[in-house]
N, C-alpha and C. Protein backbone atom coordinates (compact mmCIF):
# COMPACT_ATOMS: atom_id res chain seq x y z
N MET A 1 85.80 -65.17 -92.13
CA MET A 1 85.26 -63.93 -92.70
C MET A 1 85.77 -62.71 -91.94
N PHE A 2 85.68 -62.80 -90.60
CA PHE A 2 86.15 -61.71 -89.74
C PHE A 2 87.65 -61.49 -89.92
N THR A 3 88.42 -62.59 -90.02
CA THR A 3 89.87 -62.49 -90.21
C THR A 3 90.20 -61.85 -91.55
N LYS A 4 89.44 -62.20 -92.57
CA LYS A 4 89.66 -61.63 -93.89
C LYS A 4 89.41 -60.13 -93.88
N MET A 5 88.37 -59.67 -93.12
CA MET A 5 88.05 -58.25 -93.04
C MET A 5 89.18 -57.49 -92.36
N ILE A 6 89.75 -58.05 -91.29
CA ILE A 6 90.86 -57.40 -90.58
C ILE A 6 92.05 -57.24 -91.51
N LYS A 7 92.34 -58.29 -92.30
CA LYS A 7 93.45 -58.21 -93.24
C LYS A 7 93.24 -57.11 -94.27
N LEU A 8 92.00 -56.95 -94.75
CA LEU A 8 91.70 -55.92 -95.74
C LEU A 8 91.87 -54.52 -95.13
N VAL A 9 91.40 -54.33 -93.90
CA VAL A 9 91.54 -53.03 -93.23
C VAL A 9 93.00 -52.70 -93.02
N THR A 10 93.79 -53.69 -92.57
CA THR A 10 95.22 -53.49 -92.33
C THR A 10 95.94 -53.13 -93.63
N LEU A 11 95.61 -53.85 -94.71
CA LEU A 11 96.22 -53.57 -96.01
C LEU A 11 95.87 -52.17 -96.50
N GLY A 12 94.62 -51.76 -96.29
CA GLY A 12 94.19 -50.43 -96.71
C GLY A 12 94.91 -49.34 -95.94
N THR A 13 95.09 -49.54 -94.63
CA THR A 13 95.80 -48.56 -93.81
C THR A 13 97.24 -48.43 -94.25
N PHE A 14 97.89 -49.57 -94.51
CA PHE A 14 99.30 -49.58 -94.94
C PHE A 14 99.46 -48.85 -96.28
N ALA A 15 98.51 -49.10 -97.20
CA ALA A 15 98.57 -48.45 -98.52
C ALA A 15 98.39 -46.94 -98.39
N ALA A 16 97.51 -46.52 -97.47
CA ALA A 16 97.28 -45.08 -97.28
C ALA A 16 98.53 -44.39 -96.77
N VAL A 17 99.25 -45.06 -95.86
CA VAL A 17 100.49 -44.51 -95.32
C VAL A 17 101.54 -44.36 -96.41
N LEU A 18 101.66 -45.38 -97.26
CA LEU A 18 102.66 -45.35 -98.33
C LEU A 18 102.38 -44.26 -99.35
N LEU A 19 101.10 -43.99 -99.62
CA LEU A 19 100.74 -43.05 -100.67
C LEU A 19 100.65 -41.61 -100.18
N SER A 20 100.63 -41.40 -98.86
CA SER A 20 100.51 -40.02 -98.35
C SER A 20 101.82 -39.29 -98.52
N PRO A 21 101.78 -37.94 -98.75
CA PRO A 21 103.01 -37.16 -98.94
C PRO A 21 103.78 -37.05 -97.63
N PRO A 22 105.13 -36.95 -97.68
CA PRO A 22 105.91 -36.85 -96.46
C PRO A 22 105.67 -35.53 -95.75
N ALA A 23 105.73 -35.58 -94.43
CA ALA A 23 105.53 -34.37 -93.63
C ALA A 23 106.86 -33.68 -93.41
N PHE A 24 106.86 -32.36 -93.41
CA PHE A 24 108.08 -31.58 -93.18
C PHE A 24 107.96 -30.86 -91.85
N ALA A 25 109.09 -30.76 -91.19
CA ALA A 25 109.13 -29.97 -89.97
C ALA A 25 108.96 -28.50 -90.34
N ALA A 26 108.55 -27.71 -89.37
CA ALA A 26 108.33 -26.29 -89.66
C ALA A 26 109.60 -25.66 -90.17
N GLY A 27 109.47 -24.99 -91.31
CA GLY A 27 110.62 -24.30 -91.89
C GLY A 27 111.55 -25.21 -92.64
N GLY A 28 111.23 -26.48 -92.75
CA GLY A 28 112.16 -27.41 -93.36
C GLY A 28 112.02 -27.56 -94.85
N GLY A 29 110.99 -27.02 -95.44
CA GLY A 29 110.77 -27.27 -96.85
C GLY A 29 111.24 -26.17 -97.77
N GLY A 30 111.85 -25.11 -97.21
CA GLY A 30 112.21 -23.98 -98.04
C GLY A 30 113.62 -24.06 -98.54
N GLY A 31 114.24 -22.89 -98.72
CA GLY A 31 115.59 -22.81 -99.24
C GLY A 31 116.61 -22.93 -98.14
N GLY A 32 117.64 -22.08 -98.20
CA GLY A 32 118.72 -22.15 -97.24
C GLY A 32 118.28 -21.79 -95.85
N GLY A 33 119.08 -22.18 -94.88
CA GLY A 33 118.71 -21.98 -93.49
C GLY A 33 118.85 -20.55 -93.03
N GLY A 34 117.76 -19.94 -92.71
CA GLY A 34 117.78 -18.65 -92.04
C GLY A 34 117.91 -17.44 -92.93
N GLY A 35 118.11 -17.62 -94.21
CA GLY A 35 118.28 -16.46 -95.10
C GLY A 35 116.98 -15.72 -95.26
N GLY A 36 117.06 -14.43 -95.52
CA GLY A 36 115.85 -13.63 -95.70
C GLY A 36 115.89 -12.90 -97.02
N GLY A 37 114.75 -12.53 -97.50
CA GLY A 37 114.67 -11.75 -98.72
C GLY A 37 114.80 -10.27 -98.42
N ALA A 38 114.49 -9.46 -99.40
CA ALA A 38 114.66 -8.02 -99.24
C ALA A 38 113.77 -7.47 -98.16
N GLY A 39 112.67 -8.13 -97.88
CA GLY A 39 111.76 -7.62 -96.87
C GLY A 39 111.93 -8.29 -95.52
N SER A 40 112.97 -9.07 -95.34
CA SER A 40 113.15 -9.79 -94.09
C SER A 40 113.37 -8.84 -92.93
N THR A 41 112.85 -9.23 -91.76
CA THR A 41 113.07 -8.43 -90.56
C THR A 41 114.21 -9.00 -89.73
N ASP A 42 114.85 -10.07 -90.18
CA ASP A 42 115.96 -10.67 -89.44
C ASP A 42 117.25 -9.92 -89.76
N PRO A 43 117.82 -9.18 -88.78
CA PRO A 43 119.01 -8.39 -89.06
C PRO A 43 120.27 -9.22 -89.15
N PHE A 44 120.16 -10.52 -88.89
CA PHE A 44 121.34 -11.38 -88.88
C PHE A 44 121.20 -12.52 -89.87
N ALA A 45 120.59 -12.27 -91.01
CA ALA A 45 120.27 -13.36 -91.92
C ALA A 45 121.35 -13.64 -92.94
N ALA A 46 122.39 -12.85 -93.05
CA ALA A 46 123.43 -13.13 -94.02
C ALA A 46 124.45 -14.08 -93.43
N SER A 47 125.31 -14.63 -94.27
CA SER A 47 126.28 -15.61 -93.81
C SER A 47 127.66 -15.01 -93.69
N SER A 48 128.56 -15.75 -93.05
CA SER A 48 129.93 -15.29 -92.86
C SER A 48 130.69 -15.21 -94.17
N SER A 49 130.22 -15.85 -95.21
CA SER A 49 130.95 -15.86 -96.48
C SER A 49 130.61 -14.64 -97.33
N GLY A 50 129.84 -13.69 -96.78
CA GLY A 50 129.54 -12.45 -97.51
C GLY A 50 128.39 -12.59 -98.48
N GLN A 51 127.46 -13.54 -98.23
CA GLN A 51 126.31 -13.68 -99.12
C GLN A 51 125.38 -12.49 -98.94
N GLN A 52 124.42 -12.36 -99.84
CA GLN A 52 123.52 -11.21 -99.84
C GLN A 52 122.79 -11.08 -98.52
N GLN A 53 122.68 -9.89 -98.02
CA GLN A 53 122.02 -9.61 -96.76
C GLN A 53 120.72 -8.87 -96.99
N PRO A 54 119.70 -9.13 -96.20
CA PRO A 54 118.41 -8.49 -96.43
C PRO A 54 118.46 -7.00 -96.14
N GLN A 55 117.65 -6.24 -96.86
CA GLN A 55 117.49 -4.81 -96.60
C GLN A 55 116.49 -4.65 -95.47
N PRO A 56 116.49 -3.59 -94.68
CA PRO A 56 117.40 -2.46 -94.81
C PRO A 56 118.56 -2.50 -93.83
N ILE A 57 118.85 -3.65 -93.24
CA ILE A 57 119.82 -3.69 -92.16
C ILE A 57 121.20 -3.26 -92.62
N TYR A 58 121.67 -3.81 -93.73
CA TYR A 58 122.94 -3.38 -94.30
C TYR A 58 122.71 -3.03 -95.76
N PRO A 59 122.12 -1.89 -96.04
CA PRO A 59 121.76 -1.59 -97.43
C PRO A 59 122.95 -1.49 -98.35
N LYS A 60 124.15 -1.19 -97.83
CA LYS A 60 125.32 -1.07 -98.69
C LYS A 60 126.50 -1.88 -98.18
N ARG A 61 126.28 -2.66 -97.15
CA ARG A 61 127.38 -3.41 -96.57
C ARG A 61 126.92 -4.81 -96.26
N SER A 62 127.65 -5.82 -96.73
CA SER A 62 127.28 -7.19 -96.44
C SER A 62 127.65 -7.51 -95.01
N GLY A 63 126.75 -8.18 -94.28
CA GLY A 63 127.05 -8.56 -92.92
C GLY A 63 127.22 -10.06 -92.80
N THR A 64 127.11 -10.60 -91.62
CA THR A 64 127.30 -12.01 -91.41
C THR A 64 126.30 -12.56 -90.44
N LYS A 65 126.24 -13.81 -90.48
CA LYS A 65 125.42 -14.49 -89.51
C LYS A 65 126.31 -15.26 -88.57
N ALA A 66 126.10 -15.10 -87.28
CA ALA A 66 126.94 -15.80 -86.32
C ALA A 66 126.67 -17.29 -86.41
N SER A 67 127.66 -18.10 -86.00
CA SER A 67 127.51 -19.54 -86.08
C SER A 67 126.49 -20.06 -85.09
N GLN A 68 126.18 -19.28 -84.07
CA GLN A 68 125.12 -19.68 -83.16
C GLN A 68 124.38 -18.45 -82.68
N LYS A 69 123.12 -18.62 -82.34
CA LYS A 69 122.33 -17.49 -81.90
C LYS A 69 122.70 -17.12 -80.47
N GLY A 70 122.57 -15.83 -80.18
CA GLY A 70 122.87 -15.37 -78.83
C GLY A 70 121.85 -15.91 -77.85
N LYS A 71 122.26 -16.01 -76.60
CA LYS A 71 121.37 -16.53 -75.57
C LYS A 71 120.63 -15.38 -74.91
N LYS A 72 119.45 -15.68 -74.44
CA LYS A 72 118.66 -14.67 -73.75
C LYS A 72 119.36 -14.32 -72.44
N ALA A 73 119.52 -13.04 -72.18
CA ALA A 73 120.21 -12.62 -70.97
C ALA A 73 119.50 -11.44 -70.35
N ASN A 74 119.41 -11.47 -69.03
CA ASN A 74 118.85 -10.36 -68.28
C ASN A 74 117.48 -9.92 -68.80
N ASN A 75 116.66 -10.90 -69.13
CA ASN A 75 115.30 -10.63 -69.59
C ASN A 75 115.24 -9.82 -70.88
N GLN A 76 116.34 -9.77 -71.63
CA GLN A 76 116.32 -9.08 -72.91
C GLN A 76 115.67 -9.98 -73.96
N SER A 77 115.22 -9.37 -75.06
CA SER A 77 114.61 -10.14 -76.14
C SER A 77 115.62 -11.07 -76.76
N SER A 78 115.17 -12.21 -77.26
CA SER A 78 116.07 -13.11 -77.98
C SER A 78 116.33 -12.54 -79.36
N ILE A 79 117.41 -13.02 -80.00
CA ILE A 79 117.84 -12.44 -81.26
C ILE A 79 116.78 -12.58 -82.36
N ASP A 80 116.00 -13.67 -82.32
CA ASP A 80 115.00 -13.85 -83.38
C ASP A 80 113.69 -13.14 -83.04
N ASP A 81 113.66 -12.36 -81.98
CA ASP A 81 112.45 -11.64 -81.58
C ASP A 81 112.32 -10.36 -82.40
N PRO A 82 111.13 -10.06 -82.91
CA PRO A 82 110.96 -8.84 -83.71
C PRO A 82 111.34 -7.57 -82.95
N GLY A 83 111.15 -7.56 -81.63
CA GLY A 83 111.53 -6.40 -80.83
C GLY A 83 113.03 -6.17 -80.85
N PHE A 84 113.78 -7.26 -80.83
CA PHE A 84 115.24 -7.13 -80.91
C PHE A 84 115.65 -6.61 -82.28
N ALA A 85 115.06 -7.15 -83.33
CA ALA A 85 115.37 -6.70 -84.69
C ALA A 85 115.06 -5.21 -84.84
N ALA A 86 113.95 -4.77 -84.26
CA ALA A 86 113.58 -3.36 -84.36
C ALA A 86 114.58 -2.48 -83.61
N GLY A 87 115.03 -2.96 -82.44
CA GLY A 87 116.02 -2.21 -81.67
C GLY A 87 117.35 -2.11 -82.38
N TYR A 88 117.74 -3.21 -83.02
CA TYR A 88 118.99 -3.22 -83.78
C TYR A 88 118.89 -2.27 -84.97
N ARG A 89 117.76 -2.31 -85.65
CA ARG A 89 117.57 -1.43 -86.81
C ARG A 89 117.59 0.04 -86.39
N MET A 90 117.02 0.33 -85.21
CA MET A 90 117.02 1.71 -84.72
C MET A 90 118.45 2.18 -84.46
N ALA A 91 119.27 1.30 -83.85
CA ALA A 91 120.66 1.66 -83.59
C ALA A 91 121.43 1.84 -84.90
N TYR A 92 121.15 0.98 -85.87
CA TYR A 92 121.78 1.09 -87.18
C TYR A 92 121.47 2.44 -87.81
N ASP A 93 120.21 2.84 -87.75
CA ASP A 93 119.82 4.14 -88.31
C ASP A 93 120.46 5.29 -87.53
N THR A 94 120.59 5.12 -86.23
CA THR A 94 121.24 6.15 -85.41
C THR A 94 122.67 6.38 -85.87
N ILE A 95 123.33 5.30 -86.27
CA ILE A 95 124.72 5.40 -86.74
C ILE A 95 124.78 5.98 -88.14
N TYR A 96 124.11 5.35 -89.10
CA TYR A 96 124.33 5.66 -90.51
C TYR A 96 123.46 6.79 -91.05
N GLU A 97 122.38 7.11 -90.36
CA GLU A 97 121.54 8.20 -90.83
C GLU A 97 121.74 9.47 -90.01
N ARG A 98 121.99 9.30 -88.69
CA ARG A 98 122.11 10.48 -87.83
C ARG A 98 123.55 10.70 -87.32
N ASN A 99 124.42 9.72 -87.54
CA ASN A 99 125.82 9.84 -87.10
C ASN A 99 125.94 10.15 -85.61
N ASP A 100 124.99 9.65 -84.83
CA ASP A 100 124.98 9.86 -83.38
C ASP A 100 125.56 8.61 -82.73
N TYR A 101 126.87 8.54 -82.69
CA TYR A 101 127.56 7.31 -82.30
C TYR A 101 127.43 7.00 -80.82
N ALA A 102 127.46 8.00 -79.96
CA ALA A 102 127.34 7.76 -78.53
C ALA A 102 125.96 7.17 -78.19
N THR A 103 124.92 7.72 -78.81
CA THR A 103 123.57 7.19 -78.59
C THR A 103 123.46 5.77 -79.14
N ALA A 104 124.07 5.53 -80.29
CA ALA A 104 124.01 4.20 -80.90
C ALA A 104 124.68 3.16 -80.00
N ILE A 105 125.79 3.51 -79.39
CA ILE A 105 126.47 2.57 -78.48
C ILE A 105 125.53 2.17 -77.35
N ALA A 106 124.86 3.16 -76.76
CA ALA A 106 123.91 2.88 -75.67
C ALA A 106 122.77 2.00 -76.17
N GLU A 107 122.27 2.29 -77.36
CA GLU A 107 121.17 1.49 -77.92
C GLU A 107 121.60 0.05 -78.18
N LEU A 108 122.79 -0.12 -78.73
CA LEU A 108 123.29 -1.47 -79.03
C LEU A 108 123.53 -2.26 -77.76
N LYS A 109 124.11 -1.63 -76.76
CA LYS A 109 124.38 -2.33 -75.50
C LYS A 109 123.09 -2.71 -74.79
N SER A 110 122.06 -1.90 -74.95
CA SER A 110 120.79 -2.18 -74.28
C SER A 110 120.09 -3.41 -74.85
N LEU A 111 120.53 -3.88 -76.02
CA LEU A 111 119.91 -5.06 -76.63
C LEU A 111 120.25 -6.34 -75.87
N GLY A 112 121.34 -6.31 -75.10
CA GLY A 112 121.69 -7.47 -74.29
C GLY A 112 122.39 -8.57 -75.06
N HIS A 113 122.96 -8.26 -76.23
CA HIS A 113 123.65 -9.27 -77.04
C HIS A 113 125.00 -8.72 -77.51
N ASP A 114 125.80 -8.26 -76.56
CA ASP A 114 127.09 -7.64 -76.90
C ASP A 114 128.02 -8.59 -77.64
N ASP A 115 127.86 -9.90 -77.43
CA ASP A 115 128.78 -10.86 -78.05
C ASP A 115 128.33 -11.32 -79.42
N HIS A 116 127.21 -10.82 -79.91
CA HIS A 116 126.86 -11.13 -81.30
C HIS A 116 127.77 -10.31 -82.19
N PRO A 117 128.40 -10.91 -83.22
CA PRO A 117 129.39 -10.18 -84.01
C PRO A 117 128.84 -8.93 -84.69
N ASN A 118 127.59 -8.96 -85.15
CA ASN A 118 127.02 -7.76 -85.78
C ASN A 118 126.92 -6.62 -84.78
N VAL A 119 126.47 -6.93 -83.57
CA VAL A 119 126.32 -5.92 -82.53
C VAL A 119 127.69 -5.41 -82.10
N ALA A 120 128.60 -6.33 -81.78
CA ALA A 120 129.94 -5.93 -81.32
C ALA A 120 130.67 -5.11 -82.38
N ASN A 121 130.52 -5.48 -83.65
CA ASN A 121 131.17 -4.75 -84.72
C ASN A 121 130.66 -3.31 -84.82
N LEU A 122 129.35 -3.12 -84.70
CA LEU A 122 128.80 -1.77 -84.79
C LEU A 122 129.20 -0.93 -83.57
N ILE A 123 129.32 -1.56 -82.41
CA ILE A 123 129.81 -0.83 -81.25
C ILE A 123 131.26 -0.39 -81.49
N GLY A 124 132.07 -1.31 -82.02
CA GLY A 124 133.45 -0.96 -82.34
C GLY A 124 133.53 0.15 -83.36
N TYR A 125 132.68 0.08 -84.37
CA TYR A 125 132.65 1.12 -85.40
C TYR A 125 132.30 2.47 -84.77
N SER A 126 131.31 2.47 -83.89
CA SER A 126 130.87 3.73 -83.26
C SER A 126 131.97 4.33 -82.41
N TYR A 127 132.67 3.49 -81.66
CA TYR A 127 133.79 4.00 -80.87
C TYR A 127 134.89 4.56 -81.77
N ARG A 128 135.13 3.91 -82.90
CA ARG A 128 136.15 4.42 -83.83
C ARG A 128 135.76 5.79 -84.37
N LYS A 129 134.49 5.95 -84.73
CA LYS A 129 134.04 7.24 -85.25
C LYS A 129 134.10 8.33 -84.18
N LEU A 130 134.04 7.93 -82.90
CA LEU A 130 134.18 8.88 -81.81
C LEU A 130 135.64 9.17 -81.48
N GLY A 131 136.56 8.43 -82.13
CA GLY A 131 137.98 8.63 -81.88
C GLY A 131 138.53 7.83 -80.72
N ASP A 132 137.72 6.95 -80.14
CA ASP A 132 138.18 6.10 -79.03
C ASP A 132 138.70 4.78 -79.61
N TYR A 133 139.95 4.81 -80.07
CA TYR A 133 140.50 3.65 -80.76
C TYR A 133 140.73 2.46 -79.84
N GLU A 134 140.99 2.73 -78.58
CA GLU A 134 141.23 1.63 -77.65
C GLU A 134 139.96 0.81 -77.45
N GLN A 135 138.84 1.48 -77.17
CA GLN A 135 137.58 0.77 -77.00
C GLN A 135 137.11 0.16 -78.33
N SER A 136 137.36 0.85 -79.40
CA SER A 136 136.99 0.32 -80.72
C SER A 136 137.69 -1.02 -80.97
N GLN A 137 138.97 -1.08 -80.67
CA GLN A 137 139.71 -2.32 -80.87
C GLN A 137 139.16 -3.46 -80.02
N VAL A 138 138.81 -3.14 -78.78
CA VAL A 138 138.24 -4.15 -77.88
C VAL A 138 137.00 -4.78 -78.51
N TRP A 139 136.14 -3.95 -79.09
CA TRP A 139 134.88 -4.45 -79.64
C TRP A 139 135.08 -5.16 -80.98
N TYR A 140 136.01 -4.70 -81.79
CA TYR A 140 136.31 -5.43 -83.02
C TYR A 140 136.85 -6.82 -82.69
N GLU A 141 137.73 -6.90 -81.71
CA GLU A 141 138.27 -8.20 -81.31
C GLU A 141 137.17 -9.10 -80.76
N ARG A 142 136.24 -8.50 -80.06
CA ARG A 142 135.12 -9.26 -79.52
C ARG A 142 134.26 -9.85 -80.64
N ALA A 143 134.02 -9.04 -81.67
CA ALA A 143 133.23 -9.52 -82.81
C ALA A 143 133.93 -10.68 -83.50
N LEU A 144 135.25 -10.58 -83.69
CA LEU A 144 135.99 -11.63 -84.38
C LEU A 144 136.14 -12.88 -83.52
N LYS A 145 136.13 -12.71 -82.22
CA LYS A 145 136.14 -13.88 -81.33
C LYS A 145 134.84 -14.66 -81.48
N ALA A 146 133.73 -13.92 -81.61
CA ALA A 146 132.43 -14.56 -81.79
C ALA A 146 132.31 -15.22 -83.15
N ASP A 147 132.88 -14.58 -84.19
CA ASP A 147 132.82 -15.13 -85.55
C ASP A 147 134.09 -14.72 -86.30
N PRO A 148 135.09 -15.61 -86.37
CA PRO A 148 136.35 -15.27 -87.05
C PRO A 148 136.19 -14.96 -88.53
N ASN A 149 135.05 -15.30 -89.11
CA ASN A 149 134.80 -15.02 -90.53
C ASN A 149 133.85 -13.86 -90.74
N HIS A 150 133.72 -13.01 -89.75
CA HIS A 150 132.80 -11.88 -89.87
C HIS A 150 133.44 -10.82 -90.77
N VAL A 151 133.12 -10.89 -92.04
CA VAL A 151 133.83 -10.13 -93.06
C VAL A 151 133.72 -8.62 -92.86
N LEU A 152 132.58 -8.14 -92.38
CA LEU A 152 132.42 -6.70 -92.17
C LEU A 152 133.35 -6.20 -91.07
N THR A 153 133.57 -7.02 -90.05
CA THR A 153 134.52 -6.62 -89.00
C THR A 153 135.93 -6.56 -89.54
N TRP A 154 136.31 -7.53 -90.37
CA TRP A 154 137.65 -7.49 -90.97
C TRP A 154 137.82 -6.21 -91.79
N GLN A 155 136.76 -5.80 -92.49
CA GLN A 155 136.84 -4.56 -93.27
C GLN A 155 136.99 -3.35 -92.35
N TYR A 156 136.08 -3.21 -91.39
CA TYR A 156 136.11 -2.03 -90.52
C TYR A 156 137.36 -2.00 -89.65
N TYR A 157 137.78 -3.16 -89.18
CA TYR A 157 138.99 -3.24 -88.38
C TYR A 157 140.21 -2.91 -89.25
N GLY A 158 140.15 -3.26 -90.54
CA GLY A 158 141.21 -2.88 -91.47
C GLY A 158 141.30 -1.38 -91.63
N LEU A 159 140.14 -0.71 -91.67
CA LEU A 159 140.12 0.75 -91.74
C LEU A 159 140.68 1.34 -90.44
N TRP A 160 140.36 0.70 -89.32
CA TRP A 160 140.94 1.10 -88.02
C TRP A 160 142.46 1.03 -88.10
N GLN A 161 142.98 -0.07 -88.68
CA GLN A 161 144.43 -0.23 -88.79
C GLN A 161 145.04 0.89 -89.64
N LEU A 162 144.37 1.23 -90.74
CA LEU A 162 144.88 2.31 -91.59
C LEU A 162 144.90 3.64 -90.85
N GLU A 163 143.85 3.92 -90.12
CA GLU A 163 143.79 5.18 -89.37
C GLU A 163 144.87 5.24 -88.29
N ARG A 164 145.30 4.09 -87.83
CA ARG A 164 146.35 4.03 -86.81
C ARG A 164 147.74 3.96 -87.44
N GLY A 165 147.79 3.96 -88.76
CA GLY A 165 149.08 3.91 -89.45
C GLY A 165 149.65 2.51 -89.61
N ASN A 166 148.81 1.49 -89.38
CA ASN A 166 149.26 0.09 -89.46
C ASN A 166 148.93 -0.50 -90.83
N ARG A 167 149.64 -0.06 -91.84
CA ARG A 167 149.33 -0.48 -93.20
C ARG A 167 149.50 -1.99 -93.41
N GLU A 168 150.56 -2.55 -92.83
CA GLU A 168 150.79 -3.99 -92.99
C GLU A 168 149.65 -4.80 -92.39
N GLN A 169 149.15 -4.35 -91.25
CA GLN A 169 148.02 -5.04 -90.64
C GLN A 169 146.76 -4.89 -91.49
N ALA A 170 146.58 -3.73 -92.08
CA ALA A 170 145.43 -3.52 -92.96
C ALA A 170 145.50 -4.46 -94.17
N LEU A 171 146.71 -4.66 -94.68
CA LEU A 171 146.88 -5.60 -95.80
C LEU A 171 146.55 -7.03 -95.37
N TYR A 172 146.90 -7.35 -94.14
CA TYR A 172 146.55 -8.68 -93.62
C TYR A 172 145.03 -8.82 -93.55
N HIS A 173 144.35 -7.78 -93.09
CA HIS A 173 142.88 -7.81 -93.02
C HIS A 173 142.29 -7.98 -94.42
N LEU A 174 142.91 -7.33 -95.39
CA LEU A 174 142.45 -7.46 -96.77
C LEU A 174 142.59 -8.91 -97.25
N SER A 175 143.67 -9.55 -96.87
CA SER A 175 143.87 -10.96 -97.26
C SER A 175 142.85 -11.87 -96.58
N ARG A 176 142.45 -11.54 -95.35
CA ARG A 176 141.44 -12.33 -94.66
C ARG A 176 140.09 -12.19 -95.36
N ILE A 177 139.78 -10.97 -95.79
CA ILE A 177 138.53 -10.74 -96.51
C ILE A 177 138.53 -11.55 -97.81
N ALA A 178 139.65 -11.53 -98.52
CA ALA A 178 139.75 -12.28 -99.78
C ALA A 178 139.52 -13.76 -99.55
N ALA A 179 140.03 -14.27 -98.44
CA ALA A 179 139.87 -15.70 -98.13
C ALA A 179 138.42 -16.04 -97.81
N ILE A 180 137.69 -15.07 -97.28
CA ILE A 180 136.30 -15.33 -96.87
C ILE A 180 135.32 -15.14 -98.03
N CYS A 181 135.44 -14.02 -98.74
CA CYS A 181 134.41 -13.74 -99.76
C CYS A 181 135.00 -13.40 -101.13
N GLY A 182 136.32 -13.55 -101.30
CA GLY A 182 136.93 -13.28 -102.59
C GLY A 182 137.29 -11.81 -102.76
N THR A 183 137.77 -11.48 -103.93
CA THR A 183 138.23 -10.11 -104.20
C THR A 183 137.17 -9.26 -104.89
N ASP A 184 135.99 -9.81 -105.10
CA ASP A 184 134.94 -9.06 -105.79
C ASP A 184 133.84 -8.59 -104.84
N CYS A 185 133.94 -8.98 -103.56
CA CYS A 185 132.90 -8.55 -102.62
C CYS A 185 133.14 -7.09 -102.22
N GLU A 186 132.10 -6.45 -101.76
CA GLU A 186 132.17 -5.02 -101.46
C GLU A 186 133.17 -4.71 -100.36
N GLU A 187 133.27 -5.60 -99.36
CA GLU A 187 134.20 -5.36 -98.25
C GLU A 187 135.64 -5.32 -98.75
N TYR A 188 135.97 -6.24 -99.66
CA TYR A 188 137.33 -6.25 -100.21
C TYR A 188 137.58 -4.98 -101.02
N ARG A 189 136.64 -4.63 -101.89
CA ARG A 189 136.83 -3.45 -102.74
C ARG A 189 136.96 -2.18 -101.90
N SER A 190 136.17 -2.08 -100.83
CA SER A 190 136.21 -0.89 -99.99
C SER A 190 137.56 -0.74 -99.29
N LEU A 191 138.04 -1.82 -98.68
CA LEU A 191 139.32 -1.73 -97.97
C LEU A 191 140.47 -1.55 -98.95
N ALA A 192 140.40 -2.22 -100.11
CA ALA A 192 141.45 -2.07 -101.12
C ALA A 192 141.52 -0.63 -101.61
N ALA A 193 140.35 0.01 -101.80
CA ALA A 193 140.31 1.40 -102.24
C ALA A 193 140.92 2.32 -101.19
N ALA A 194 140.64 2.02 -99.92
CA ALA A 194 141.21 2.83 -98.83
C ALA A 194 142.72 2.69 -98.80
N LEU A 195 143.21 1.49 -99.07
CA LEU A 195 144.66 1.26 -99.08
C LEU A 195 145.34 2.00 -100.23
N ASP A 196 144.61 2.25 -101.29
CA ASP A 196 145.17 2.96 -102.45
C ASP A 196 145.27 4.46 -102.23
N LYS A 197 144.58 4.97 -101.22
CA LYS A 197 144.59 6.41 -100.96
C LYS A 197 145.87 6.83 -100.25
N PRO A 198 146.29 8.07 -100.44
CA PRO A 198 147.49 8.56 -99.74
C PRO A 198 147.32 8.48 -98.22
N THR A 199 148.41 8.26 -97.52
CA THR A 199 148.38 8.18 -96.07
C THR A 199 147.82 9.50 -95.49
N GLY A 200 146.92 9.35 -94.54
CA GLY A 200 146.33 10.54 -93.91
C GLY A 200 145.02 10.98 -94.51
N THR A 201 144.63 10.34 -95.61
CA THR A 201 143.34 10.68 -96.23
C THR A 201 142.20 10.26 -95.32
N ALA A 202 141.20 11.10 -95.16
CA ALA A 202 140.03 10.76 -94.35
C ALA A 202 139.27 9.61 -95.00
N LEU A 203 138.88 8.65 -94.19
CA LEU A 203 138.18 7.47 -94.71
C LEU A 203 136.69 7.62 -94.52
N ALA A 204 135.93 7.11 -95.49
CA ALA A 204 134.47 7.27 -95.49
C ALA A 204 133.82 6.47 -94.39
N TYR A 205 134.30 5.26 -94.12
CA TYR A 205 133.63 4.39 -93.16
C TYR A 205 134.37 4.37 -91.84
């Protein structure tokens, strides 16, 4: 009798396990990895292939997501920390809303993630807007070393090439963009439009 009861309890436990729904790890049951919607606070949620990026970090420019997250350094916030996202957004606004490039460089460097491609690219962009092409090139190269498919850097670095009179190099950058996100993405259209302008024309970005 006692043995029969143990068998029934064991059978009931086994049946309960089989019928229970599978457990998911945190964050494992949703869509793609790391992507954010329009209200996302993650400034690095887009992919290297030029997929849609959350607002307001790049409201008119597609960005990329690095292949790995930056490491915490010198007691700075980690990349997925809301404080870091807020600091990055502040630097972004300093660049695109106030055109204060020197201040933006200081803000971006203070984040402690100089090797993240989004950060390095914006530092390079800021130096270019200040007319410091040597430092700008250093930072564009740094961004591409971190992520060779960082499409926004290929675009901005292509504009750098045009401003330096390196049309053939700008065309190469255009071909790299096409390989990453095709000829219909905004980065390709922007650089292609700049290439169509007469030499010496002031560039918007």
